[in-house]
Amino acid sequence: MFVEGLSLSNVPGVNYEYSNLGFALLGRIITNVSYMPYQRYITDNILKPLGMNDSYYEYRDVPAAQLAIGYRWEEEKWKEEPLLPDGAYGAMGGMLCSLEDFAKYAAFHLNAWPPRNDADKGPVNRSSIREMHQPGRIGNIFNVKTPSGGDCATASGYAYGLGWRRDCNGIVRIAHSGGLPGFGSEWRIYPDYGIGVISFSNRTYGAPSQANAIALDTILAIAGLKPRTLPAVPLLEATKEQLLKILPDWQAKETSQIFAENFFLDESLALRKAHTQERFKEAGAIQKIGTVQAQNQLRGQFIIECTQKNIHVFFTMTPEAKPLVQQLDVWVEEKK
């Protein structure tokens, strides 16, 4: 096929289009680089380390009692589909496995979040899994219907073998669906929530995407799940304590070494002091100081609860070996 040449749907590099041929070629690359059939390489290096021992490429290897038969709905009746043998194109989606096996694979993807410095115990690093969850190109922006019937703007794209979607509520969905004569499947995860769902179908191209969407959205609504939060690194907590010694009067400014060189160029010490004192006066006496809520490893915020209002403190650190405060915003907000 390659010797005879290929026809392209788009000019390379300007648009995305899924290609079975691309993944079949990837299987051949794995075979050539590893000096073994891609099926054996994937089984030995991905499936077995994850405990996926009920996964096969050739249907003849599946124990008869475990083998599902595929069907097509045609002429008002179900027709059995002949099972397809393995081959070069199996790299694009020819694997047979149990739901229990594939749940281990989905759990491995979920375990890549949130990012952390724990030891990597999987067949590939968590950072590589997260790379699979990042869109290489935004494909579409569209509205989807919420369970209440409203519109929700959503952006979608494609990553490494997986679809990416982010909706108007900030929910990120990683998913993939596919089908063959006799079968269809879809799996999706919400990495920020640590939850996912998998469905297999033995109907031709019967990917149960809508059922999975309803199941996940129902679980989120009923269980009241919240996104997993990034724990604050010690740097952010230490910086919070240093800021509390300075605010609101800035008396320790001259002896403090926590501010970057741009800090007092962006706003003078005199103005910062006046604005901060005004906001603390408006909020009243301090009652409680909250923990740092991390946005990332160099950015965080915390709440100072006061008698009249609450004070919101937001800060960003520089990316130096010894990070310094380059931005500090202090404002008051009504008590909730």
C-alpha atoms as a PDB file:
ATOM      1  CA  MET A   1       0.000   0.000   0.000  1.00  0.00           C
ATOM      2  CA  PHE A   2       2.758   2.444   0.900  1.00  0.00           C
ATOM      3  CA  VAL A   3       4.828   1.532  -2.128  1.00  0.00           C
ATOM      4  CA  GLU A   4       1.855   2.355  -4.355  1.00  0.00           C
ATOM      5  CA  GLY A   5       1.331   5.677  -2.573  1.00  0.00           C
ATOM      6  CA  LEU A   6      -1.397   7.162  -0.362  1.00  0.00           C
ATOM      7  CA  SER A   7      -4.179   9.698  -0.816  1.00  0.00           C
ATOM      8  CA  LEU A   8      -4.382  12.461   1.804  1.00  0.00           C
ATOM      9  CA  SER A   9      -7.616  13.983   3.085  1.00  0.00           C
ATOM     10  CA  ASN A  10      -5.840  17.196   4.165  1.00  0.00           C
ATOM     11  CA  VAL A  11      -2.540  18.940   3.748  1.00  0.00           C
ATOM     12  CA  PRO A  12      -0.300  17.445   6.465  1.00  0.00           C
ATOM     13  CA  GLY A  13      -0.100  19.418   9.698  1.00  0.00           C
ATOM     14  CA  VAL A  14      -3.161  21.656   9.277  1.00  0.00           C
ATOM     15  CA  ASN A  15      -6.063  19.497  10.444  1.00  0.00           C
ATOM     16  CA  TYR A  16      -6.875  16.419  12.463  1.00  0.00           C
ATOM     17  CA  GLU A  17      -8.506  13.290  11.112  1.00  0.00           C
ATOM     18  CA  TYR A  18      -8.541   9.877  12.740  1.00  0.00           C
ATOM     19  CA  SER A  19      -6.758   7.266  10.654  1.00  0.00           C
ATOM     20  CA  ASN A  20      -6.899   3.499  11.123  1.00  0.00           C
ATOM     21  CA  LEU A  21      -4.018   3.348   8.690  1.00  0.00           C
ATOM     22  CA  GLY A  22      -1.945   5.545  11.000  1.00  0.00           C
ATOM     23  CA  PHE A  23      -2.353   3.152  13.919  1.00  0.00           C
ATOM     24  CA  ALA A  24      -1.734   0.121  11.722  1.00  0.00           C
ATOM     25  CA  LEU A  25       1.515   1.796  10.683  1.00  0.00           C
ATOM     26  CA  LEU A  26       2.326   2.413  14.346  1.00  0.00           C
ATOM     27  CA  GLY A  27       1.936  -1.315  14.988  1.00  0.00           C
ATOM     28  CA  ARG A  28       4.420  -2.032  12.210  1.00  0.00           C
ATOM     29  CA  ILE A  29       6.847   0.510  13.695  1.00  0.00           C
ATOM     30  CA  ILE A  30       6.632  -1.208  17.095  1.00  0.00           C
ATOM     31  CA  THR A  31       7.320  -4.542  15.401  1.00  0.00           C
ATOM     32  CA  ASN A  32      10.344  -3.205  13.524  1.00  0.00           C
ATOM     33  CA  VAL A  33      11.841  -1.361  16.501  1.00  0.00           C
ATOM     34  CA  SER A  34      11.263  -4.106  19.103  1.00  0.00           C
ATOM     35  CA  TYR A  35      12.160  -7.035  16.794  1.00  0.00           C
ATOM     36  CA  MET A  36       8.995  -8.850  17.833  1.00  0.00           C
ATOM     37  CA  PRO A  37       5.325  -8.734  16.790  1.00  0.00           C
ATOM     38  CA  TYR A  38       3.643  -5.651  18.230  1.00  0.00           C
ATOM     39  CA  GLN A  39       1.043  -7.937  19.851  1.00  0.00           C
ATOM     40  CA  ARG A  40       3.716  -9.675  21.923  1.00  0.00           C
ATOM     41  CA  TYR A  41       5.491  -6.412  22.781  1.00  0.00           C
ATOM     42  CA  ILE A  42       2.260  -4.789  24.035  1.00  0.00           C
ATOM     43  CA  THR A  43       1.228  -7.925  25.926  1.00  0.00           C
ATOM     44  CA  ASP A  44       4.598  -8.280  27.667  1.00  0.00           C
ATOM     45  CA  ASN A  45       5.222  -4.586  28.374  1.00  0.00           C
ATOM     46  CA  ILE A  46       1.747  -3.115  28.947  1.00  0.00           C
ATOM     47  CA  LEU A  47      -0.944  -5.724  29.507  1.00  0.00           C
ATOM     48  CA  LYS A  48       0.788  -8.208  31.808  1.00  0.00           C
ATOM     49  CA  PRO A  49       2.375  -5.544  34.087  1.00  0.00           C
ATOM     50  CA  LEU A  50      -1.156  -4.155  34.579  1.00  0.00           C
ATOM     51  CA  GLY A  51      -2.502  -7.615  35.417  1.00  0.00           C
ATOM     52  CA  MET A  52      -4.524  -7.779  32.184  1.00  0.00           C
ATOM     53  CA  ASN A  53      -4.319 -11.537  31.767  1.00  0.00           C
ATOM     54  CA  ASP A  54      -7.677 -11.943  30.002  1.00  0.00           C
ATOM     55  CA  SER A  55      -6.724  -9.856  26.966  1.00  0.00           C
ATOM     56  CA  TYR A  56      -6.050 -11.330  23.546  1.00  0.00           C
ATOM     57  CA  TYR A  57      -5.446 -10.328  19.945  1.00  0.00           C
ATOM     58  CA  GLU A  58      -6.525 -13.588  18.299  1.00  0.00           C
ATOM     59  CA  TYR A  59     -10.103 -14.702  19.004  1.00  0.00           C
ATOM     60  CA  ARG A  60      -9.057 -18.350  18.644  1.00  0.00           C
ATOM     61  CA  ASP A  61      -6.962 -17.946  21.819  1.00  0.00           C
ATOM     62  CA  VAL A  62      -9.958 -16.877  23.936  1.00  0.00           C
ATOM     63  CA  PRO A  63     -11.484 -19.641  26.070  1.00  0.00           C
ATOM     64  CA  ALA A  64     -14.775 -20.626  24.440  1.00  0.00           C
ATOM     65  CA  ALA A  65     -16.807 -19.941  27.593  1.00  0.00           C
ATOM     66  CA  GLN A  66     -15.534 -16.348  27.691  1.00  0.00           C
ATOM     67  CA  LEU A  67     -15.869 -15.450  24.018  1.00  0.00           C
ATOM     68  CA  ALA A  68     -18.676 -13.045  23.154  1.00  0.00           C
ATOM     69  CA  ILE A  69     -20.324 -13.417  19.756  1.00  0.00           C
ATOM     70  CA  GLY A  70     -21.034 -10.289  17.716  1.00  0.00           C
ATOM     71  CA  TYR A  71     -24.292  -9.486  15.924  1.00  0.00           C
ATOM     72  CA  ARG A  72     -25.677  -7.105  13.334  1.00  0.00           C
ATOM     73  CA  TRP A  73     -29.317  -5.877  13.312  1.00  0.00           C
ATOM     74  CA  GLU A  74     -30.427  -6.239   9.720  1.00  0.00           C
ATOM     75  CA  GLU A  75     -33.726  -6.983   7.963  1.00  0.00           C
ATOM     76  CA  GLU A  76     -35.510  -6.839  11.312  1.00  0.00           C
ATOM     77  CA  LYS A  77     -33.468  -9.628  12.849  1.00  0.00           C
ATOM     78  CA  TRP A  78     -30.120 -10.293  14.504  1.00  0.00           C
ATOM     79  CA  LYS A  79     -27.463 -11.799  12.266  1.00  0.00           C
ATOM     80  CA  GLU A  80     -24.321 -13.330  13.699  1.00  0.00           C
ATOM     81  CA  GLU A  81     -21.149 -11.654  12.478  1.00  0.00           C
ATOM     82  CA  PRO A  82     -18.137 -13.805  11.583  1.00  0.00           C
ATOM     83  CA  LEU A  83     -15.251 -13.167  13.952  1.00  0.00           C
ATOM     84  CA  LEU A  84     -12.261 -11.406  12.415  1.00  0.00           C
ATOM     85  CA  PRO A  85      -8.784 -12.935  12.766  1.00  0.00           C
ATOM     86  CA  ASP A  86      -5.827 -10.888  13.964  1.00  0.00           C
ATOM     87  CA  GLY A  87      -3.583  -9.075  11.515  1.00  0.00           C
ATOM     88  CA  ALA A  88      -1.580  -5.942  10.785  1.00  0.00           C
ATOM     89  CA  TYR A  89      -4.610  -3.692  11.381  1.00  0.00           C
ATOM     90  CA  GLY A  90      -5.199  -5.155  14.840  1.00  0.00           C
ATOM     91  CA  ALA A  91      -3.020  -2.340  16.168  1.00  0.00           C
ATOM     92  CA  MET A  92      -5.891   0.102  15.601  1.00  0.00           C
ATOM     93  CA  GLY A  93      -8.409  -1.787  17.704  1.00  0.00           C
ATOM     94  CA  GLY A  94      -8.420  -5.541  17.392  1.00  0.00           C
ATOM     95  CA  MET A  95      -7.924  -6.522  21.017  1.00  0.00           C
ATOM     96  CA  LEU A  96     -10.398  -8.716  22.901  1.00  0.00           C
ATOM     97  CA  CYS A  97     -10.596  -8.404  26.673  1.00  0.00           C
ATOM     98  CA  SER A  98     -12.935  -8.580  29.638  1.00  0.00           C
ATOM     99  CA  LEU A  99     -14.497  -5.585  31.357  1.00  0.00           C
ATOM    100  CA  GLU A 100     -12.521  -6.453  34.472  1.00  0.00           C
ATOM    101  CA  ASP A 101      -9.274  -6.354  32.495  1.00  0.00           C
ATOM    102  CA  PHE A 102     -10.055  -3.073  30.829  1.00  0.00           C
ATOM    103  CA  ALA A 103     -11.028  -1.561  34.187  1.00  0.00           C
ATOM    104  CA  LYS A 104      -7.393  -2.062  35.235  1.00  0.00           C
ATOM    105  CA  TYR A 105      -6.290  -0.094  32.173  1.00  0.00           C
ATOM    106  CA  ALA A 106      -8.750   2.729  32.875  1.00  0.00           C
ATOM    107  CA  ALA A 107      -7.682   2.814  36.534  1.00  0.00           C
ATOM    108  CA  PHE A 108      -4.064   3.164  35.438  1.00  0.00           C
ATOM    109  CA  HIS A 109      -5.016   6.284  33.469  1.00  0.00           C
ATOM    110  CA  LEU A 110      -6.918   7.727  36.424  1.00  0.00           C
ATOM    111  CA  ASN A 111      -3.961   7.055  38.708  1.00  0.00           C
ATOM    112  CA  ALA A 112      -1.861   9.513  36.678  1.00  0.00           C
ATOM    113  CA  TRP A 113      -3.804  12.334  38.353  1.00  0.00           C
ATOM    114  CA  PRO A 114      -3.205  14.487  40.251  1.00  0.00           C
ATOM    115  CA  PRO A 115       0.471  15.068  39.313  1.00  0.00           C
ATOM    116  CA  ARG A 116       2.750  14.119  42.204  1.00  0.00           C
ATOM    117  CA  ASN A 117       6.247  12.952  43.044  1.00  0.00           C
ATOM    118  CA  ASP A 118       5.378   9.433  44.234  1.00  0.00           C
ATOM    119  CA  ALA A 119       7.358   6.528  42.799  1.00  0.00           C
ATOM    120  CA  ASP A 120       6.162   5.387  39.365  1.00  0.00           C
ATOM    121  CA  LYS A 121       5.036   1.758  39.513  1.00  0.00           C
ATOM    122  CA  GLY A 122       3.398   1.380  36.121  1.00  0.00           C
ATOM    123  CA  PRO A 123       4.729   0.131  32.809  1.00  0.00           C
ATOM    124  CA  VAL A 124       5.145   3.791  31.757  1.00  0.00           C
ATOM    125  CA  ASN A 125       5.516   6.981  33.754  1.00  0.00           C
ATOM    126  CA  ARG A 126       2.459   8.883  34.935  1.00  0.00           C
ATOM    127  CA  SER A 127       3.767  11.879  32.996  1.00  0.00           C
ATOM    128  CA  SER A 128       3.506   9.846  29.777  1.00  0.00           C
ATOM    129  CA  ILE A 129      -0.093   8.953  30.593  1.00  0.00           C
ATOM    130  CA  ARG A 130      -0.916  12.620  31.232  1.00  0.00           C
ATOM    131  CA  GLU A 131       0.654  13.453  27.886  1.00  0.00           C
ATOM    132  CA  MET A 132      -1.909  11.135  26.300  1.00  0.00           C
ATOM    133  CA  HIS A 133      -4.604  13.333  27.879  1.00  0.00           C
ATOM    134  CA  GLN A 134      -3.434  16.632  26.349  1.00  0.00           C
ATOM    135  CA  PRO A 135      -5.055  17.720  23.062  1.00  0.00           C
ATOM    136  CA  GLY A 136      -2.629  18.089  20.191  1.00  0.00           C
ATOM    137  CA  ARG A 137      -5.112  20.264  18.329  1.00  0.00           C
ATOM    138  CA  ILE A 138      -8.516  21.742  19.203  1.00  0.00           C
ATOM    139  CA  GLY A 139     -10.906  20.248  16.666  1.00  0.00           C
ATOM    140  CA  ASN A 140     -14.320  21.709  17.485  1.00  0.00           C
ATOM    141  CA  ILE A 141     -16.190  24.086  19.773  1.00  0.00           C
ATOM    142  CA  PHE A 142     -19.885  23.309  20.096  1.00  0.00           C
ATOM    143  CA  ASN A 143     -22.846  23.227  22.480  1.00  0.00           C
ATOM    144  CA  VAL A 144     -24.001  20.099  24.267  1.00  0.00           C
ATOM    145  CA  LYS A 145     -27.230  19.698  26.185  1.00  0.00           C
ATOM    146  CA  THR A 146     -27.002  19.535  29.966  1.00  0.00           C
ATOM    147  CA  PRO A 147     -29.232  17.141  31.967  1.00  0.00           C
ATOM    148  CA  SER A 148     -31.493  20.137  32.667  1.00  0.00           C
ATOM    149  CA  GLY A 149     -31.826  20.895  28.963  1.00  0.00           C
ATOM    150  CA  GLY A 150     -29.548  23.934  28.766  1.00  0.00           C
ATOM    151  CA  ASP A 151     -26.646  24.553  26.423  1.00  0.00           C
ATOM    152  CA  CYS A 152     -23.060  24.054  27.547  1.00  0.00           C
ATOM    153  CA  ALA A 153     -20.201  25.278  25.331  1.00  0.00           C
ATOM    154  CA  THR A 154     -17.624  22.530  24.864  1.00  0.00           C
ATOM    155  CA  ALA A 155     -14.223  22.285  23.195  1.00  0.00           C
ATOM    156  CA  SER A 156     -12.841  19.006  21.893  1.00  0.00           C
ATOM    157  CA  GLY A 157      -9.589  17.744  20.462  1.00  0.00           C
ATOM    158  CA  TYR A 158      -7.492  14.645  20.029  1.00  0.00           C
ATOM    159  CA  ALA A 159      -4.464  13.570  22.003  1.00  0.00           C
ATOM    160  CA  TYR A 160      -2.390  10.365  21.729  1.00  0.00           C
ATOM    161  CA  GLY A 161      -5.007   7.768  20.846  1.00  0.00           C
ATOM    162  CA  LEU A 162      -7.601   9.424  23.069  1.00  0.00           C
ATOM    163  CA  GLY A 163     -10.226  12.106  22.660  1.00  0.00           C
ATOM    164  CA  TRP A 164     -10.182  15.186  24.917  1.00  0.00           C
ATOM    165  CA  ARG A 165     -13.120  17.389  25.823  1.00  0.00           C
ATOM    166  CA  ARG A 166     -13.617  20.305  28.237  1.00  0.00           C
ATOM    167  CA  ASP A 167     -17.082  21.728  28.870  1.00  0.00           C
ATOM    168  CA  CYS A 168     -18.418  25.038  30.165  1.00  0.00           C
ATOM    169  CA  ASN A 169     -18.268  23.722  33.746  1.00  0.00           C
ATOM    170  CA  GLY A 170     -14.551  23.000  33.425  1.00  0.00           C
ATOM    171  CA  ILE A 171     -15.044  19.220  33.417  1.00  0.00           C
ATOM    172  CA  VAL A 172     -12.369  17.419  31.393  1.00  0.00           C
ATOM    173  CA  ARG A 173     -13.368  14.142  29.767  1.00  0.00           C
ATOM    174  CA  ILE A 174     -10.888  11.691  28.265  1.00  0.00           C
ATOM    175  CA  ALA A 175     -12.496   9.029  26.094  1.00  0.00           C
ATOM    176  CA  HIS A 176     -12.353   6.768  23.101  1.00  0.00           C
ATOM    177  CA  SER A 177     -14.902   4.736  21.198  1.00  0.00           C
ATOM    178  CA  GLY A 178     -14.650   2.302  18.359  1.00  0.00           C
ATOM    179  CA  GLY A 179     -16.260  -0.569  16.595  1.00  0.00           C
ATOM    180  CA  LEU A 180     -15.859  -3.517  14.306  1.00  0.00           C
ATOM    181  CA  PRO A 181     -18.386  -5.794  12.608  1.00  0.00           C
ATOM    182  CA  GLY A 182     -20.195  -7.344  15.554  1.00  0.00           C
ATOM    183  CA  PHE A 183     -18.820  -5.120  18.302  1.00  0.00           C
ATOM    184  CA  GLY A 184     -18.536  -1.614  19.701  1.00  0.00           C
ATOM    185  CA  SER A 185     -17.092  -0.104  22.853  1.00  0.00           C
ATOM    186  CA  GLU A 186     -16.508   3.172  24.628  1.00  0.00           C
ATOM    187  CA  TRP A 187     -14.649   4.180  27.768  1.00  0.00           C
ATOM    188  CA  ARG A 188     -14.393   7.606  29.341  1.00  0.00           C
ATOM    189  CA  ILE A 189     -12.818   9.036  32.459  1.00  0.00           C
ATOM    190  CA  TYR A 190     -13.052  12.335  34.319  1.00  0.00           C
ATOM    191  CA  PRO A 191      -9.449  12.668  35.582  1.00  0.00           C
ATOM    192  CA  ASP A 192     -10.197  15.544  37.965  1.00  0.00           C
ATOM    193  CA  TYR A 193     -12.880  13.472  39.693  1.00  0.00           C
ATOM    194  CA  GLY A 194     -11.102  10.110  39.737  1.00  0.00           C
ATOM    195  CA  ILE A 195     -14.000   8.327  38.097  1.00  0.00           C
ATOM    196  CA  GLY A 196     -14.661   6.531  34.822  1.00  0.00           C
ATOM    197  CA  VAL A 197     -17.019   4.142  33.060  1.00  0.00           C
ATOM    198  CA  ILE A 198     -16.533   1.403  30.442  1.00  0.00           C
ATOM    199  CA  SER A 199     -19.143  -0.240  28.227  1.00  0.00           C
ATOM    200  CA  PHE A 200     -18.781  -3.069  25.717  1.00  0.00           C
ATOM    201  CA  SER A 201     -21.388  -3.978  23.111  1.00  0.00           C
ATOM    202  CA  ASN A 202     -21.717  -7.017  20.877  1.00  0.00           C
ATOM    203  CA  ARG A 203     -23.612  -5.131  18.199  1.00  0.00           C
ATOM    204  CA  THR A 204     -21.914  -3.912  15.025  1.00  0.00           C
ATOM    205  CA  TYR A 205     -20.372  -0.491  15.697  1.00  0.00           C
ATOM    206  CA  GLY A 206     -22.575  -0.228  18.780  1.00  0.00           C
ATOM    207  CA  ALA A 207     -20.406   2.124  20.834  1.00  0.00           C
ATOM    208  CA  PRO A 208     -22.518   2.977  23.927  1.00  0.00           C
ATOM    209  CA  SER A 209     -21.250   6.563  24.247  1.00  0.00           C
ATOM    210  CA  GLN A 210     -24.581   8.137  25.216  1.00  0.00           C
ATOM    211  CA  ALA A 211     -25.202   5.542  27.926  1.00  0.00           C
ATOM    212  CA  ASN A 212     -21.762   6.192  29.390  1.00  0.00           C
ATOM    213  CA  ALA A 213     -22.344   9.950  29.370  1.00  0.00           C
ATOM    214  CA  ILE A 214     -25.654   9.558  31.215  1.00  0.00           C
ATOM    215  CA  ALA A 215     -24.100   7.171  33.744  1.00  0.00           C
ATOM    216  CA  LEU A 216     -21.179   9.457  34.606  1.00  0.00           C
ATOM    217  CA  ASP A 217     -23.236  12.650  34.774  1.00  0.00           C
ATOM    218  CA  THR A 218     -25.803  10.895  36.969  1.00  0.00           C
ATOM    219  CA  ILE A 219     -23.091   9.670  39.358  1.00  0.00           C
ATOM    220  CA  LEU A 220     -21.595  13.164  39.607  1.00  0.00           C
ATOM    221  CA  ALA A 221     -24.998  14.713  40.315  1.00  0.00           C
ATOM    222  CA  ILE A 222     -26.216  12.169  42.866  1.00  0.00           C
ATOM    223  CA  ALA A 223     -22.924  11.675  44.694  1.00  0.00           C
ATOM    224  CA  GLY A 224     -22.067  15.379  44.700  1.00  0.00           C
ATOM    225  CA  LEU A 225     -18.477  14.601  43.715  1.00  0.00           C
ATOM    226  CA  LYS A 226     -15.970  17.443  43.716  1.00  0.00           C
ATOM    227  CA  PRO A 227     -12.760  17.693  41.699  1.00  0.00           C
ATOM    228  CA  ARG A 228      -9.641  16.326  43.335  1.00  0.00           C
ATOM    229  CA  THR A 229      -7.548  19.209  44.604  1.00  0.00           C
ATOM    230  CA  LEU A 230      -3.822  19.714  44.284  1.00  0.00           C
ATOM    231  CA  PRO A 231      -2.222  19.665  47.762  1.00  0.00           C
ATOM    232  CA  ALA A 232      -0.190  22.745  48.626  1.00  0.00           C
ATOM    233  CA  VAL A 233       3.556  22.176  48.540  1.00  0.00           C
ATOM    234  CA  PRO A 234       5.549  23.285  51.631  1.00  0.00           C
ATOM    235  CA  LEU A 235       6.776  26.368  49.729  1.00  0.00           C
ATOM    236  CA  LEU A 236       3.255  27.780  49.470  1.00  0.00           C
ATOM    237  CA  GLU A 237       2.474  27.191  53.147  1.00  0.00           C
ATOM    238  CA  ALA A 238       5.794  28.768  54.190  1.00  0.00           C
ATOM    239  CA  THR A 239       5.134  31.795  51.988  1.00  0.00           C
ATOM    240  CA  LYS A 240       1.683  32.214  53.509  1.00  0.00           C
ATOM    241  CA  GLU A 241       3.212  32.357  56.996  1.00  0.00           C
ATOM    242  CA  GLN A 242       5.740  34.965  55.836  1.00  0.00           C
ATOM    243  CA  LEU A 243       3.002  37.100  54.294  1.00  0.00           C
ATOM    244  CA  LEU A 244       0.954  36.969  57.495  1.00  0.00           C
ATOM    245  CA  LYS A 245       3.905  38.480  59.397  1.00  0.00           C
ATOM    246  CA  ILE A 246       3.992  41.398  56.948  1.00  0.00           C
ATOM    247  CA  LEU A 247       0.290  42.139  56.370  1.00  0.00           C
ATOM    248  CA  PRO A 248      -1.361  44.578  56.804  1.00  0.00           C
ATOM    249  CA  ASP A 249       1.229  47.122  57.982  1.00  0.00           C
ATOM    250  CA  TRP A 250       4.281  46.002  55.942  1.00  0.00           C
ATOM    251  CA  GLN A 251       6.585  46.781  58.887  1.00  0.00           C
ATOM    252  CA  ALA A 252       8.767  43.792  58.091  1.00  0.00           C
ATOM    253  CA  LYS A 253       9.211  44.712  54.436  1.00  0.00           C
ATOM    254  CA  GLU A 254      12.775  45.983  54.820  1.00  0.00           C
ATOM    255  CA  THR A 255      13.939  42.759  56.468  1.00  0.00           C
ATOM    256  CA  SER A 256      11.882  40.390  54.334  1.00  0.00           C
ATOM    257  CA  GLN A 257      13.581  38.675  51.426  1.00  0.00           C
ATOM    258  CA  ILE A 258      10.507  37.104  49.882  1.00  0.00           C
ATOM    259  CA  PHE A 259       9.697  39.638  47.132  1.00  0.00           C
ATOM    260  CA  ALA A 260      10.926  39.566  43.533  1.00  0.00           C
ATOM    261  CA  GLU A 261      12.629  42.570  41.956  1.00  0.00           C
ATOM    262  CA  ASN A 262       9.507  43.532  39.993  1.00  0.00           C
ATOM    263  CA  PHE A 263       7.238  43.554  43.041  1.00  0.00           C
ATOM    264  CA  PHE A 264       7.533  47.150  44.251  1.00  0.00           C
ATOM    265  CA  LEU A 265       8.008  48.396  40.694  1.00  0.00           C
ATOM    266  CA  ASP A 266       4.513  47.129  39.874  1.00  0.00           C
ATOM    267  CA  GLU A 267       3.031  48.995  42.875  1.00  0.00           C
ATOM    268  CA  SER A 268       4.878  51.090  45.415  1.00  0.00           C
ATOM    269  CA  LEU A 269       5.219  50.133  49.061  1.00  0.00           C
ATOM    270  CA  ALA A 270       3.243  53.220  50.117  1.00  0.00           C
ATOM    271  CA  LEU A 271       0.256  52.321  47.944  1.00  0.00           C
ATOM    272  CA  ARG A 272       0.349  48.657  48.921  1.00  0.00           C
ATOM    273  CA  LYS A 273       0.404  49.569  52.596  1.00  0.00           C
ATOM    274  CA  ALA A 274      -2.506  52.023  52.255  1.00  0.00           C
ATOM    275  CA  HIS A 275      -4.646  49.634  50.231  1.00  0.00           C
ATOM    276  CA  THR A 276      -3.955  46.650  52.484  1.00  0.00           C
ATOM    277  CA  GLN A 277      -4.714  48.542  55.706  1.00  0.00           C
ATOM    278  CA  GLU A 278      -7.963  49.834  54.203  1.00  0.00           C
ATOM    279  CA  ARG A 279      -9.107  46.326  53.321  1.00  0.00           C
ATOM    280  CA  PHE A 280      -8.195  44.838  56.696  1.00  0.00           C
ATOM    281  CA  LYS A 281     -10.075  47.681  58.417  1.00  0.00           C
ATOM    282  CA  GLU A 282     -13.159  47.014  56.272  1.00  0.00           C
ATOM    283  CA  ALA A 283     -13.081  43.283  57.083  1.00  0.00           C
ATOM    284  CA  GLY A 284     -12.848  43.666  60.880  1.00  0.00           C
ATOM    285  CA  ALA A 285     -11.009  41.616  63.471  1.00  0.00           C
ATOM    286  CA  ILE A 286      -9.331  38.410  62.326  1.00  0.00           C
ATOM    287  CA  GLN A 287     -11.095  35.238  63.444  1.00  0.00           C
ATOM    288  CA  LYS A 288      -9.532  32.414  61.445  1.00  0.00           C
ATOM    289  CA  ILE A 289      -6.871  31.886  58.793  1.00  0.00           C
ATOM    290  CA  GLY A 290      -7.527  29.241  56.158  1.00  0.00           C
ATOM    291  CA  THR A 291      -5.118  26.827  54.540  1.00  0.00           C
ATOM    292  CA  VAL A 292      -3.513  27.505  51.182  1.00  0.00           C
ATOM    293  CA  GLN A 293      -5.510  26.386  48.154  1.00  0.00           C
ATOM    294  CA  ALA A 294      -2.923  25.574  45.495  1.00  0.00           C
ATOM    295  CA  GLN A 295      -3.483  26.448  41.843  1.00  0.00           C
ATOM    296  CA  ASN A 296      -0.102  24.955  41.016  1.00  0.00           C
ATOM    297  CA  GLN A 297       3.252  24.574  42.760  1.00  0.00           C
ATOM    298  CA  LEU A 298       4.051  28.307  42.490  1.00  0.00           C
ATOM    299  CA  ARG A 299       0.610  29.875  42.879  1.00  0.00           C
ATOM    300  CA  GLY A 300      -1.919  29.756  45.673  1.00  0.00           C
ATOM    301  CA  GLN A 301      -4.532  31.607  47.696  1.00  0.00           C
ATOM    302  CA  PHE A 302      -5.969  31.599  51.192  1.00  0.00           C
ATOM    303  CA  ILE A 303      -8.819  33.185  53.122  1.00  0.00           C
ATOM    304  CA  ILE A 304      -8.568  35.252  56.294  1.00  0.00           C
ATOM    305  CA  GLU A 305     -11.952  35.096  58.019  1.00  0.00           C
ATOM    306  CA  CYS A 306     -12.830  38.310  59.852  1.00  0.00           C
ATOM    307  CA  THR A 307     -15.802  39.582  61.831  1.00  0.00           C
ATOM    308  CA  GLN A 308     -17.340  41.710  59.043  1.00  0.00           C
ATOM    309  CA  LYS A 309     -16.003  40.269  55.805  1.00  0.00           C
ATOM    310  CA  ASN A 310     -13.363  37.864  54.582  1.00  0.00           C
ATOM    311  CA  ILE A 311      -9.995  38.806  53.127  1.00  0.00           C
ATOM    312  CA  HIS A 312      -8.838  36.930  50.041  1.00  0.00           C
ATOM    313  CA  VAL A 313      -5.067  36.696  49.531  1.00  0.00           C
ATOM    314  CA  PHE A 314      -3.653  35.509  46.197  1.00  0.00           C
ATOM    315  CA  PHE A 315       0.060  35.201  45.392  1.00  0.00           C
ATOM    316  CA  THR A 316       2.331  33.963  42.607  1.00  0.00           C
ATOM    317  CA  MET A 317       5.989  32.947  42.916  1.00  0.00           C
ATOM    318  CA  THR A 318       8.847  33.331  40.457  1.00  0.00           C
ATOM    319  CA  PRO A 319      10.321  30.209  38.788  1.00  0.00           C
ATOM    320  CA  GLU A 320      13.728  30.591  40.434  1.00  0.00           C
ATOM    321  CA  ALA A 321      15.643  28.004  42.433  1.00  0.00           C
ATOM    322  CA  LYS A 322      14.548  30.052  45.465  1.00  0.00           C
ATOM    323  CA  PRO A 323      11.088  31.304  44.399  1.00  0.00           C
ATOM    324  CA  LEU A 324      10.082  34.848  45.359  1.00  0.00           C
ATOM    325  CA  VAL A 325       6.679  36.553  45.459  1.00  0.00           C
ATOM    326  CA  GLN A 326       6.141  38.381  42.178  1.00  0.00           C
ATOM    327  CA  GLN A 327       2.414  39.082  42.535  1.00  0.00           C
ATOM    328  CA  LEU A 328       0.224  39.647  45.585  1.00  0.00           C
ATOM    329  CA  ASP A 329      -3.468  40.565  45.426  1.00  0.00           C
ATOM    330  CA  VAL A 330      -5.526  41.295  48.536  1.00  0.00           C
ATOM    331  CA  TRP A 331      -9.256  42.008  48.416  1.00  0.00           C
ATOM    332  CA  VAL A 332     -12.351  41.686  50.604  1.00  0.00           C
ATOM    333  CA  GLU A 333     -15.374  39.546  49.896  1.00  0.00           C
ATOM    334  CA  GLU A 334     -18.678  38.976  51.624  1.00  0.00           C
ATOM    335  CA  LYS A 335     -18.873  36.174  54.161  1.00  0.00           C
ATOM    336  CA  LYS A 336     -20.662  33.071  52.891  1.00  0.00           C
END
